[in-house]
Amino acid sequence: MEYTATKYSADKLVKAWKNGSLKINDEYQCGSSWSEAQKQGLIDSIFRRYPIPPIFLHEKRTEGLDGTETEADEVVDGQQRIRALADFHADKFELLDPATSGFDCRTACEDYRHQGASGDSLNWMRI
């Protein structure tokens, strides 16, 4: 199997999720299953710059109604990570408590929310 590794900003990933250009295949993907603590842990790991697993996408091309080719990316692996990023971007959960997590990222978080996390990139693998 061939794949292309590409880095995109977290902001671009969230925008693609929100605009529907990332598709979920219900045959092998479950719905949202991560707890809030798991989502918080992912965001904490990103701010700490810990490595996180790549997100695997499958490029799907189909013929549209007018005969032109359309393209979308199907999420093969990484749906929960994408949902966690989108939920964090939409302020659906708080960060880990610095008093208990040992990490104070208030400045980094404000930069993320106001500047679109343009400096943070995540790996996507297109297969």
C-alpha atoms as a PDB file:
ATOM      1  CA  MET A   1       0.000   0.000   0.000  1.00  0.00           C
ATOM      2  CA  GLU A   2       1.307   3.440  -0.876  1.00  0.00           C
ATOM      3  CA  TYR A   3       0.707   6.551   1.155  1.00  0.00           C
ATOM      4  CA  THR A   4       1.690  10.192   1.203  1.00  0.00           C
ATOM      5  CA  ALA A   5       2.599  11.843   4.503  1.00  0.00           C
ATOM      6  CA  THR A   6       1.505  15.470   4.725  1.00  0.00           C
ATOM      7  CA  LYS A   7       1.404  17.953   7.592  1.00  0.00           C
ATOM      8  CA  TYR A   8      -1.534  20.301   8.019  1.00  0.00           C
ATOM      9  CA  SER A   9      -2.325  22.767  10.772  1.00  0.00           C
ATOM     10  CA  ALA A  10      -4.837  21.779  13.422  1.00  0.00           C
ATOM     11  CA  ASP A  11      -6.919  24.735  12.242  1.00  0.00           C
ATOM     12  CA  LYS A  12      -7.135  23.326   8.695  1.00  0.00           C
ATOM     13  CA  LEU A  13      -8.085  19.916  10.034  1.00  0.00           C
ATOM     14  CA  VAL A  14     -10.912  21.407  12.125  1.00  0.00           C
ATOM     15  CA  LYS A  15     -12.152  23.496   9.171  1.00  0.00           C
ATOM     16  CA  ALA A  16     -12.186  20.419   6.916  1.00  0.00           C
ATOM     17  CA  TRP A  17     -14.156  18.515   9.581  1.00  0.00           C
ATOM     18  CA  LYS A  18     -16.662  21.342  10.024  1.00  0.00           C
ATOM     19  CA  ASN A  19     -17.247  21.870   6.303  1.00  0.00           C
ATOM     20  CA  GLY A  20     -17.866  18.166   5.708  1.00  0.00           C
ATOM     21  CA  SER A  21     -14.915  17.430   3.435  1.00  0.00           C
ATOM     22  CA  LEU A  22     -13.818  14.670   5.847  1.00  0.00           C
ATOM     23  CA  LYS A  23     -16.204  11.725   5.633  1.00  0.00           C
ATOM     24  CA  ILE A  24     -16.888   8.949   8.128  1.00  0.00           C
ATOM     25  CA  ASN A  25     -17.562   5.416   6.884  1.00  0.00           C
ATOM     26  CA  ASP A  26     -20.112   3.907   9.278  1.00  0.00           C
ATOM     27  CA  GLU A  27     -19.135   0.386   8.188  1.00  0.00           C
ATOM     28  CA  TYR A  28     -15.967   0.523  10.286  1.00  0.00           C
ATOM     29  CA  GLN A  29     -16.065   3.822  12.195  1.00  0.00           C
ATOM     30  CA  CYS A  30     -18.078   4.195  15.371  1.00  0.00           C
ATOM     31  CA  GLY A  31     -19.534   7.469  16.534  1.00  0.00           C
ATOM     32  CA  SER A  32     -17.994   9.711  19.145  1.00  0.00           C
ATOM     33  CA  SER A  33     -16.739   7.466  21.935  1.00  0.00           C
ATOM     34  CA  TRP A  34     -14.012   9.389  23.765  1.00  0.00           C
ATOM     35  CA  SER A  35     -14.677  10.732  27.236  1.00  0.00           C
ATOM     36  CA  GLU A  36     -13.973  14.353  28.078  1.00  0.00           C
ATOM     37  CA  ALA A  37     -10.833  13.263  29.960  1.00  0.00           C
ATOM     38  CA  GLN A  38      -9.511  11.499  26.851  1.00  0.00           C
ATOM     39  CA  LYS A  39     -10.128  14.605  24.741  1.00  0.00           C
ATOM     40  CA  GLN A  40      -8.417  16.767  27.353  1.00  0.00           C
ATOM     41  CA  GLY A  41      -5.465  14.379  27.355  1.00  0.00           C
ATOM     42  CA  LEU A  42      -5.042  14.686  23.590  1.00  0.00           C
ATOM     43  CA  ILE A  43      -5.115  18.486  23.689  1.00  0.00           C
ATOM     44  CA  ASP A  44      -2.691  18.467  26.621  1.00  0.00           C
ATOM     45  CA  SER A  45      -0.343  16.227  24.611  1.00  0.00           C
ATOM     46  CA  ILE A  46      -0.515  18.562  21.625  1.00  0.00           C
ATOM     47  CA  PHE A  47       0.319  21.615  23.739  1.00  0.00           C
ATOM     48  CA  ARG A  48       3.215  19.739  25.309  1.00  0.00           C
ATOM     49  CA  ARG A  49       4.338  18.851  21.773  1.00  0.00           C
ATOM     50  CA  TYR A  50       4.239  15.122  22.510  1.00  0.00           C
ATOM     51  CA  PRO A  51       4.018  12.964  19.403  1.00  0.00           C
ATOM     52  CA  ILE A  52       0.542  11.756  18.605  1.00  0.00           C
ATOM     53  CA  PRO A  53      -0.376   9.066  16.065  1.00  0.00           C
ATOM     54  CA  PRO A  54      -0.969  10.183  12.487  1.00  0.00           C
ATOM     55  CA  ILE A  55      -4.453  10.507  11.078  1.00  0.00           C
ATOM     56  CA  PHE A  56      -5.087   8.208   8.125  1.00  0.00           C
ATOM     57  CA  LEU A  57      -7.324   9.402   5.298  1.00  0.00           C
ATOM     58  CA  HIS A  58      -8.402   7.672   2.108  1.00  0.00           C
ATOM     59  CA  GLU A  59      -8.882   9.924  -0.893  1.00  0.00           C
ATOM     60  CA  LYS A  60     -12.215   9.053  -2.509  1.00  0.00           C
ATOM     61  CA  ARG A  61     -13.078  10.153  -6.025  1.00  0.00           C
ATOM     62  CA  THR A  62     -16.561   9.737  -7.403  1.00  0.00           C
ATOM     63  CA  GLU A  63     -18.502  10.970 -10.389  1.00  0.00           C
ATOM     64  CA  GLY A  64     -20.870  13.801  -9.506  1.00  0.00           C
ATOM     65  CA  LEU A  65     -24.342  14.392 -10.939  1.00  0.00           C
ATOM     66  CA  ASP A  66     -23.017  16.533 -13.780  1.00  0.00           C
ATOM     67  CA  GLY A  67     -20.368  13.939 -14.708  1.00  0.00           C
ATOM     68  CA  THR A  68     -17.455  15.792 -13.137  1.00  0.00           C
ATOM     69  CA  GLU A  69     -15.202  14.099 -10.651  1.00  0.00           C
ATOM     70  CA  THR A  70     -15.583  15.037  -6.996  1.00  0.00           C
ATOM     71  CA  GLU A  71     -13.093  14.366  -4.229  1.00  0.00           C
ATOM     72  CA  ALA A  72     -13.435  13.823  -0.492  1.00  0.00           C
ATOM     73  CA  ASP A  73     -11.269  12.330   2.226  1.00  0.00           C
ATOM     74  CA  GLU A  74     -12.605   9.380   4.203  1.00  0.00           C
ATOM     75  CA  VAL A  75     -11.270   9.047   7.743  1.00  0.00           C
ATOM     76  CA  VAL A  76      -9.711   5.596   8.118  1.00  0.00           C
ATOM     77  CA  ASP A  77      -8.097   6.186  11.504  1.00  0.00           C
ATOM     78  CA  GLY A  78      -8.200   9.274  13.696  1.00  0.00           C
ATOM     79  CA  GLN A  79     -11.877  10.133  13.994  1.00  0.00           C
ATOM     80  CA  GLN A  80     -11.747  10.545  17.781  1.00  0.00           C
ATOM     81  CA  ARG A  81      -8.685  12.808  17.538  1.00  0.00           C
ATOM     82  CA  ILE A  82     -10.392  14.949  14.897  1.00  0.00           C
ATOM     83  CA  ARG A  83     -13.564  15.191  17.001  1.00  0.00           C
ATOM     84  CA  ALA A  84     -11.512  16.153  20.075  1.00  0.00           C
ATOM     85  CA  LEU A  85      -9.782  18.954  18.152  1.00  0.00           C
ATOM     86  CA  ALA A  86     -13.085  20.228  16.758  1.00  0.00           C
ATOM     87  CA  ASP A  87     -14.758  20.103  20.181  1.00  0.00           C
ATOM     88  CA  PHE A  88     -11.857  21.957  21.775  1.00  0.00           C
ATOM     89  CA  HIS A  89     -11.934  24.550  19.008  1.00  0.00           C
ATOM     90  CA  ALA A  90     -15.673  25.006  19.699  1.00  0.00           C
ATOM     91  CA  ASP A  91     -15.048  25.417  23.467  1.00  0.00           C
ATOM     92  CA  LYS A  92     -17.020  22.256  24.305  1.00  0.00           C
ATOM     93  CA  PHE A  93     -14.618  21.256  27.092  1.00  0.00           C
ATOM     94  CA  GLU A  94     -11.982  22.781  29.332  1.00  0.00           C
ATOM     95  CA  LEU A  95      -8.300  21.985  29.395  1.00  0.00           C
ATOM     96  CA  LEU A  96      -6.833  19.728  32.045  1.00  0.00           C
ATOM     97  CA  ASP A  97      -6.581  21.481  35.391  1.00  0.00           C
ATOM     98  CA  PRO A  98      -2.967  22.719  35.800  1.00  0.00           C
ATOM     99  CA  ALA A  99      -3.210  22.092  39.546  1.00  0.00           C
ATOM    100  CA  THR A 100      -3.690  18.389  38.947  1.00  0.00           C
ATOM    101  CA  SER A 101      -2.007  17.869  35.572  1.00  0.00           C
ATOM    102  CA  GLY A 102       1.219  19.706  36.380  1.00  0.00           C
ATOM    103  CA  PHE A 103       0.941  21.770  33.191  1.00  0.00           C
ATOM    104  CA  ASP A 104      -0.012  25.431  32.841  1.00  0.00           C
ATOM    105  CA  CYS A 105      -0.675  26.289  29.237  1.00  0.00           C
ATOM    106  CA  ARG A 106      -2.877  29.377  29.575  1.00  0.00           C
ATOM    107  CA  THR A 107      -0.678  31.426  27.266  1.00  0.00           C
ATOM    108  CA  ALA A 108      -0.378  28.655  24.700  1.00  0.00           C
ATOM    109  CA  CYS A 109      -4.126  28.068  24.793  1.00  0.00           C
ATOM    110  CA  GLU A 110      -4.930  31.712  24.215  1.00  0.00           C
ATOM    111  CA  ASP A 111      -2.549  31.740  21.254  1.00  0.00           C
ATOM    112  CA  TYR A 112      -4.276  28.628  19.888  1.00  0.00           C
ATOM    113  CA  ARG A 113      -7.766  30.035  20.170  1.00  0.00           C
ATOM    114  CA  HIS A 114      -6.975  33.502  18.824  1.00  0.00           C
ATOM    115  CA  GLN A 115      -4.413  32.728  16.150  1.00  0.00           C
ATOM    116  CA  GLY A 116      -5.838  29.487  14.784  1.00  0.00           C
ATOM    117  CA  ALA A 117      -2.978  27.213  15.836  1.00  0.00           C
ATOM    118  CA  SER A 118      -1.178  28.009  12.604  1.00  0.00           C
ATOM    119  CA  GLY A 119       2.109  26.790  14.052  1.00  0.00           C
ATOM    120  CA  ASP A 120       0.785  23.426  15.254  1.00  0.00           C
ATOM    121  CA  SER A 121       0.790  20.771  12.569  1.00  0.00           C
ATOM    122  CA  LEU A 122      -0.521  17.247  12.632  1.00  0.00           C
ATOM    123  CA  ASN A 123       0.436  14.366  10.388  1.00  0.00           C
ATOM    124  CA  TRP A 124      -2.111  13.086   7.907  1.00  0.00           C
ATOM    125  CA  MET A 125      -1.460   9.944   5.940  1.00  0.00           C
ATOM    126  CA  ARG A 126      -3.398   9.766   2.697  1.00  0.00           C
ATOM    127  CA  ILE A 127      -3.736   6.188   1.434  1.00  0.00           C
END
